[in-house]
Amino acid sequence: MRVIAVSTLRDFWERHPDAEQPLKAWYAEATSATWTQPADIKVQYRSASVLQNRRVVFNIKGDDCRLIVAVAYKLQIVCVKFAGTHKEYGAVDAKTVEMA
């Protein structure tokens, strides 16, 4: 998979350095994956939540952080839409959030 908007991940781990390694690990796993459908993600990440609009929510760092992405399965692209703490996640709509 090709991951777009890595800067969103970087911005988050610069504010929360303890999330840097877990996010880098997720990035490495995502870029080496070939997800063709939501079930492929669920095999690799059992705690991931698959939403409408091709959105997926990943629990990062033992559920301290949340990562919301949109997946274009045919194009093999993952677009990062949100990276935040559990509290910040509670304040957004995972189905529509876009990072500025």
N, C-alpha and C. Protein backbone atom coordinates (compact mmCIF):
# COMPACT_ATOMS: atom_id res chain seq x y z
N MET A 1 0.84 -1.17 0.00
CA MET A 1 0.00 0.00 0.00
C MET A 1 0.90 1.24 0.00
N ARG A 2 0.41 2.25 -0.66
CA ARG A 2 1.10 3.55 -0.64
C ARG A 2 0.37 4.42 0.38
N VAL A 3 1.10 4.97 1.34
CA VAL A 3 0.50 5.79 2.39
C VAL A 3 0.70 7.26 2.06
N ILE A 4 -0.42 7.97 1.99
CA ILE A 4 -0.40 9.41 1.69
C ILE A 4 -0.67 10.19 2.96
N ALA A 5 -0.01 11.33 3.06
CA ALA A 5 -0.15 12.25 4.20
C ALA A 5 0.61 11.75 5.42
N VAL A 6 1.82 11.26 5.17
CA VAL A 6 2.69 10.84 6.27
C VAL A 6 2.99 12.02 7.18
N SER A 7 2.92 13.23 6.65
CA SER A 7 3.16 14.43 7.46
C SER A 7 2.18 14.52 8.62
N THR A 8 0.97 14.00 8.44
CA THR A 8 -0.01 13.98 9.53
C THR A 8 0.49 13.10 10.67
N LEU A 9 1.08 11.97 10.33
CA LEU A 9 1.65 11.10 11.36
C LEU A 9 2.81 11.80 12.05
N ARG A 10 3.68 12.41 11.25
CA ARG A 10 4.86 13.10 11.80
C ARG A 10 4.44 14.24 12.73
N ASP A 11 3.46 15.02 12.30
CA ASP A 11 2.98 16.13 13.15
C ASP A 11 2.49 15.61 14.49
N PHE A 12 1.78 14.48 14.46
CA PHE A 12 1.26 13.92 15.70
C PHE A 12 2.38 13.43 16.60
N TRP A 13 3.35 12.67 16.05
CA TRP A 13 4.38 12.15 16.94
C TRP A 13 5.34 13.23 17.41
N GLU A 14 5.41 14.36 16.72
CA GLU A 14 6.22 15.47 17.23
C GLU A 14 5.58 16.07 18.48
N ARG A 15 4.26 16.04 18.54
CA ARG A 15 3.55 16.51 19.74
C ARG A 15 3.46 15.43 20.82
N HIS A 16 3.53 14.16 20.40
CA HIS A 16 3.42 13.01 21.30
C HIS A 16 4.53 12.02 20.97
N PRO A 17 5.76 12.31 21.43
CA PRO A 17 6.91 11.48 21.05
C PRO A 17 6.76 10.00 21.38
N ASP A 18 5.98 9.66 22.39
CA ASP A 18 5.81 8.25 22.74
C ASP A 18 5.01 7.48 21.68
N ALA A 19 4.36 8.20 20.77
CA ALA A 19 3.60 7.55 19.69
C ALA A 19 4.44 7.35 18.43
N GLU A 20 5.66 7.88 18.41
CA GLU A 20 6.47 7.82 17.19
C GLU A 20 6.74 6.38 16.75
N GLN A 21 7.26 5.55 17.63
CA GLN A 21 7.60 4.18 17.22
C GLN A 21 6.37 3.36 16.84
N PRO A 22 5.27 3.43 17.61
CA PRO A 22 4.08 2.68 17.17
C PRO A 22 3.55 3.15 15.81
N LEU A 23 3.60 4.45 15.53
CA LEU A 23 3.14 4.94 14.23
C LEU A 23 4.09 4.53 13.11
N LYS A 24 5.38 4.56 13.38
CA LYS A 24 6.34 4.10 12.38
C LYS A 24 6.16 2.61 12.12
N ALA A 25 5.85 1.85 13.14
CA ALA A 25 5.61 0.41 12.96
C ALA A 25 4.36 0.20 12.11
N TRP A 26 3.28 0.95 12.39
CA TRP A 26 2.07 0.84 11.58
C TRP A 26 2.38 1.20 10.12
N TYR A 27 3.14 2.27 9.92
CA TYR A 27 3.49 2.71 8.57
C TYR A 27 4.26 1.61 7.82
N ALA A 28 5.23 1.02 8.48
CA ALA A 28 6.02 -0.05 7.86
C ALA A 28 5.13 -1.24 7.48
N GLU A 29 4.22 -1.59 8.37
CA GLU A 29 3.32 -2.70 8.09
C GLU A 29 2.35 -2.35 6.95
N ALA A 30 1.83 -1.13 6.96
CA ALA A 30 0.87 -0.72 5.93
C ALA A 30 1.55 -0.65 4.56
N THR A 31 2.75 -0.13 4.49
CA THR A 31 3.42 0.01 3.19
C THR A 31 3.85 -1.34 2.62
N SER A 32 3.97 -2.35 3.46
CA SER A 32 4.33 -3.67 2.93
C SER A 32 3.09 -4.54 2.71
N ALA A 33 1.92 -4.05 3.06
CA ALA A 33 0.68 -4.82 2.92
C ALA A 33 0.09 -4.69 1.52
N THR A 34 -0.77 -5.62 1.19
CA THR A 34 -1.56 -5.57 -0.04
C THR A 34 -3.01 -5.86 0.37
N TRP A 35 -3.71 -4.81 0.79
CA TRP A 35 -5.09 -4.98 1.22
C TRP A 35 -6.00 -4.81 0.01
N THR A 36 -6.82 -5.80 -0.26
CA THR A 36 -7.74 -5.73 -1.39
C THR A 36 -9.19 -5.58 -0.95
N GLN A 37 -9.42 -5.72 0.36
CA GLN A 37 -10.76 -5.58 0.92
C GLN A 37 -10.63 -5.37 2.43
N PRO A 38 -11.67 -4.87 3.07
CA PRO A 38 -11.60 -4.63 4.52
C PRO A 38 -11.22 -5.88 5.33
N ALA A 39 -11.65 -7.04 4.88
CA ALA A 39 -11.32 -8.27 5.61
C ALA A 39 -9.81 -8.49 5.71
N ASP A 40 -9.06 -8.04 4.72
CA ASP A 40 -7.60 -8.17 4.76
C ASP A 40 -7.02 -7.38 5.92
N ILE A 41 -7.57 -6.21 6.14
CA ILE A 41 -7.10 -5.37 7.25
C ILE A 41 -7.46 -6.04 8.58
N LYS A 42 -8.68 -6.57 8.67
CA LYS A 42 -9.12 -7.21 9.92
C LYS A 42 -8.28 -8.44 10.26
N VAL A 43 -7.75 -9.13 9.25
CA VAL A 43 -6.87 -10.26 9.52
C VAL A 43 -5.59 -9.77 10.20
N GLN A 44 -5.06 -8.66 9.72
CA GLN A 44 -3.81 -8.13 10.25
C GLN A 44 -4.02 -7.32 11.53
N TYR A 45 -5.14 -6.62 11.62
CA TYR A 45 -5.44 -5.76 12.77
C TYR A 45 -6.84 -6.09 13.27
N ARG A 46 -6.93 -7.03 14.17
CA ARG A 46 -8.23 -7.48 14.66
C ARG A 46 -9.02 -6.38 15.34
N SER A 47 -8.33 -5.42 15.97
CA SER A 47 -9.03 -4.36 16.69
C SER A 47 -9.40 -3.17 15.79
N ALA A 48 -9.02 -3.22 14.53
CA ALA A 48 -9.37 -2.12 13.61
C ALA A 48 -10.88 -2.10 13.41
N SER A 49 -11.42 -0.89 13.26
CA SER A 49 -12.85 -0.72 13.01
C SER A 49 -13.03 -0.27 11.56
N VAL A 50 -13.78 -1.03 10.81
CA VAL A 50 -14.06 -0.69 9.42
C VAL A 50 -15.37 0.09 9.40
N LEU A 51 -15.31 1.30 8.83
CA LEU A 51 -16.47 2.17 8.77
C LEU A 51 -16.93 2.34 7.32
N GLN A 52 -17.99 3.11 7.13
CA GLN A 52 -18.42 3.42 5.77
C GLN A 52 -17.43 4.40 5.14
N ASN A 53 -17.62 4.67 3.87
CA ASN A 53 -16.74 5.57 3.11
C ASN A 53 -15.30 5.08 3.04
N ARG A 54 -15.11 3.74 3.07
CA ARG A 54 -13.77 3.13 3.00
C ARG A 54 -12.87 3.56 4.15
N ARG A 55 -13.45 4.03 5.24
CA ARG A 55 -12.66 4.47 6.40
C ARG A 55 -12.35 3.30 7.32
N VAL A 56 -11.16 3.38 7.92
CA VAL A 56 -10.74 2.38 8.90
C VAL A 56 -10.11 3.13 10.07
N VAL A 57 -10.44 2.69 11.29
CA VAL A 57 -9.86 3.27 12.50
C VAL A 57 -8.93 2.23 13.12
N PHE A 58 -7.69 2.64 13.34
CA PHE A 58 -6.69 1.77 13.97
C PHE A 58 -6.43 2.27 15.39
N ASN A 59 -6.29 1.34 16.31
CA ASN A 59 -5.86 1.65 17.67
C ASN A 59 -4.34 1.59 17.66
N ILE A 60 -3.73 2.66 18.11
CA ILE A 60 -2.26 2.76 18.10
C ILE A 60 -1.79 2.92 19.54
N LYS A 61 -0.69 2.30 19.85
CA LYS A 61 -0.08 2.41 21.17
C LYS A 61 -1.04 1.95 22.26
N GLY A 62 -1.54 0.74 22.09
CA GLY A 62 -2.42 0.17 23.11
C GLY A 62 -3.71 0.95 23.30
N ASP A 63 -4.23 1.52 22.23
CA ASP A 63 -5.48 2.27 22.23
C ASP A 63 -5.34 3.66 22.86
N ASP A 64 -4.11 4.12 23.10
CA ASP A 64 -3.91 5.49 23.57
C ASP A 64 -4.16 6.48 22.45
N CYS A 65 -3.91 6.05 21.22
CA CYS A 65 -4.03 6.92 20.05
C CYS A 65 -4.92 6.25 19.01
N ARG A 66 -5.50 7.07 18.17
CA ARG A 66 -6.35 6.56 17.09
C ARG A 66 -5.85 7.12 15.77
N LEU A 67 -5.94 6.30 14.76
CA LEU A 67 -5.54 6.66 13.42
C LEU A 67 -6.71 6.35 12.50
N ILE A 68 -7.17 7.36 11.76
CA ILE A 68 -8.26 7.16 10.81
C ILE A 68 -7.69 7.32 9.42
N VAL A 69 -7.97 6.34 8.58
CA VAL A 69 -7.49 6.38 7.19
C VAL A 69 -8.65 6.08 6.26
N ALA A 70 -8.49 6.48 5.00
CA ALA A 70 -9.38 6.07 3.93
C ALA A 70 -8.57 5.18 3.01
N VAL A 71 -9.14 4.06 2.61
CA VAL A 71 -8.41 3.09 1.81
C VAL A 71 -9.02 2.98 0.41
N ALA A 72 -8.18 3.16 -0.59
CA ALA A 72 -8.58 2.92 -1.98
C ALA A 72 -7.96 1.58 -2.37
N TYR A 73 -8.74 0.53 -2.19
CA TYR A 73 -8.22 -0.83 -2.35
C TYR A 73 -7.70 -1.10 -3.76
N LYS A 74 -8.43 -0.70 -4.78
CA LYS A 74 -8.01 -0.97 -6.16
C LYS A 74 -6.74 -0.22 -6.52
N LEU A 75 -6.58 0.99 -5.98
CA LEU A 75 -5.39 1.79 -6.26
C LEU A 75 -4.24 1.48 -5.31
N GLN A 76 -4.53 0.72 -4.25
CA GLN A 76 -3.54 0.38 -3.24
C GLN A 76 -2.99 1.63 -2.54
N ILE A 77 -3.91 2.52 -2.16
CA ILE A 77 -3.54 3.77 -1.49
C ILE A 77 -4.27 3.87 -0.16
N VAL A 78 -3.54 4.28 0.87
CA VAL A 78 -4.10 4.57 2.18
C VAL A 78 -3.86 6.05 2.43
N CYS A 79 -4.92 6.80 2.68
CA CYS A 79 -4.80 8.23 2.94
C CYS A 79 -5.10 8.50 4.41
N VAL A 80 -4.12 9.05 5.11
CA VAL A 80 -4.29 9.35 6.52
C VAL A 80 -5.21 10.56 6.66
N LYS A 81 -6.29 10.38 7.41
CA LYS A 81 -7.28 11.44 7.61
C LYS A 81 -7.18 12.08 8.98
N PHE A 82 -6.70 11.31 9.97
CA PHE A 82 -6.65 11.82 11.35
C PHE A 82 -5.69 10.98 12.16
N ALA A 83 -4.91 11.63 12.99
CA ALA A 83 -4.10 10.97 14.01
C ALA A 83 -4.27 11.78 15.28
N GLY A 84 -4.69 11.14 16.34
CA GLY A 84 -4.92 11.88 17.57
C GLY A 84 -5.00 10.98 18.78
N THR A 85 -5.09 11.63 19.92
CA THR A 85 -5.25 10.89 21.16
C THR A 85 -6.66 10.32 21.22
N HIS A 86 -6.87 9.44 22.15
CA HIS A 86 -8.21 8.87 22.33
C HIS A 86 -9.22 9.98 22.61
N LYS A 87 -8.82 10.95 23.41
CA LYS A 87 -9.71 12.09 23.73
C LYS A 87 -10.01 12.92 22.49
N GLU A 88 -8.98 13.22 21.68
CA GLU A 88 -9.18 13.99 20.44
C GLU A 88 -10.08 13.23 19.47
N TYR A 89 -9.92 11.92 19.43
CA TYR A 89 -10.75 11.09 18.57
C TYR A 89 -12.22 11.22 18.95
N GLY A 90 -12.49 11.33 20.24
CA GLY A 90 -13.87 11.46 20.70
C GLY A 90 -14.55 12.73 20.24
N ALA A 91 -13.77 13.71 19.79
CA ALA A 91 -14.32 15.00 19.37
C ALA A 91 -14.51 15.11 17.86
N VAL A 92 -14.20 14.05 17.11
CA VAL A 92 -14.32 14.12 15.65
C VAL A 92 -15.31 13.07 15.16
N ASP A 93 -15.77 13.26 13.93
CA ASP A 93 -16.60 12.26 13.29
C ASP A 93 -15.69 11.44 12.37
N ALA A 94 -15.45 10.21 12.74
CA ALA A 94 -14.50 9.36 12.00
C ALA A 94 -14.91 9.14 10.56
N LYS A 95 -16.19 9.29 10.26
CA LYS A 95 -16.68 9.06 8.90
C LYS A 95 -16.41 10.23 7.96
N THR A 96 -16.13 11.42 8.53
CA THR A 96 -15.98 12.60 7.68
C THR A 96 -14.73 13.42 7.96
N VAL A 97 -14.01 13.16 9.02
CA VAL A 97 -12.87 14.00 9.42
C VAL A 97 -11.84 14.09 8.30
N GLU A 98 -11.29 15.25 8.14
CA GLU A 98 -10.19 15.52 7.20
C GLU A 98 -9.16 16.37 7.93
N MET A 99 -7.90 16.02 7.81
CA MET A 99 -6.86 16.85 8.41
C MET A 99 -6.58 18.02 7.49
N ALA A 100 -6.34 19.16 8.08
CA ALA A 100 -6.06 20.37 7.28
C ALA A 100 -4.61 20.41 6.86
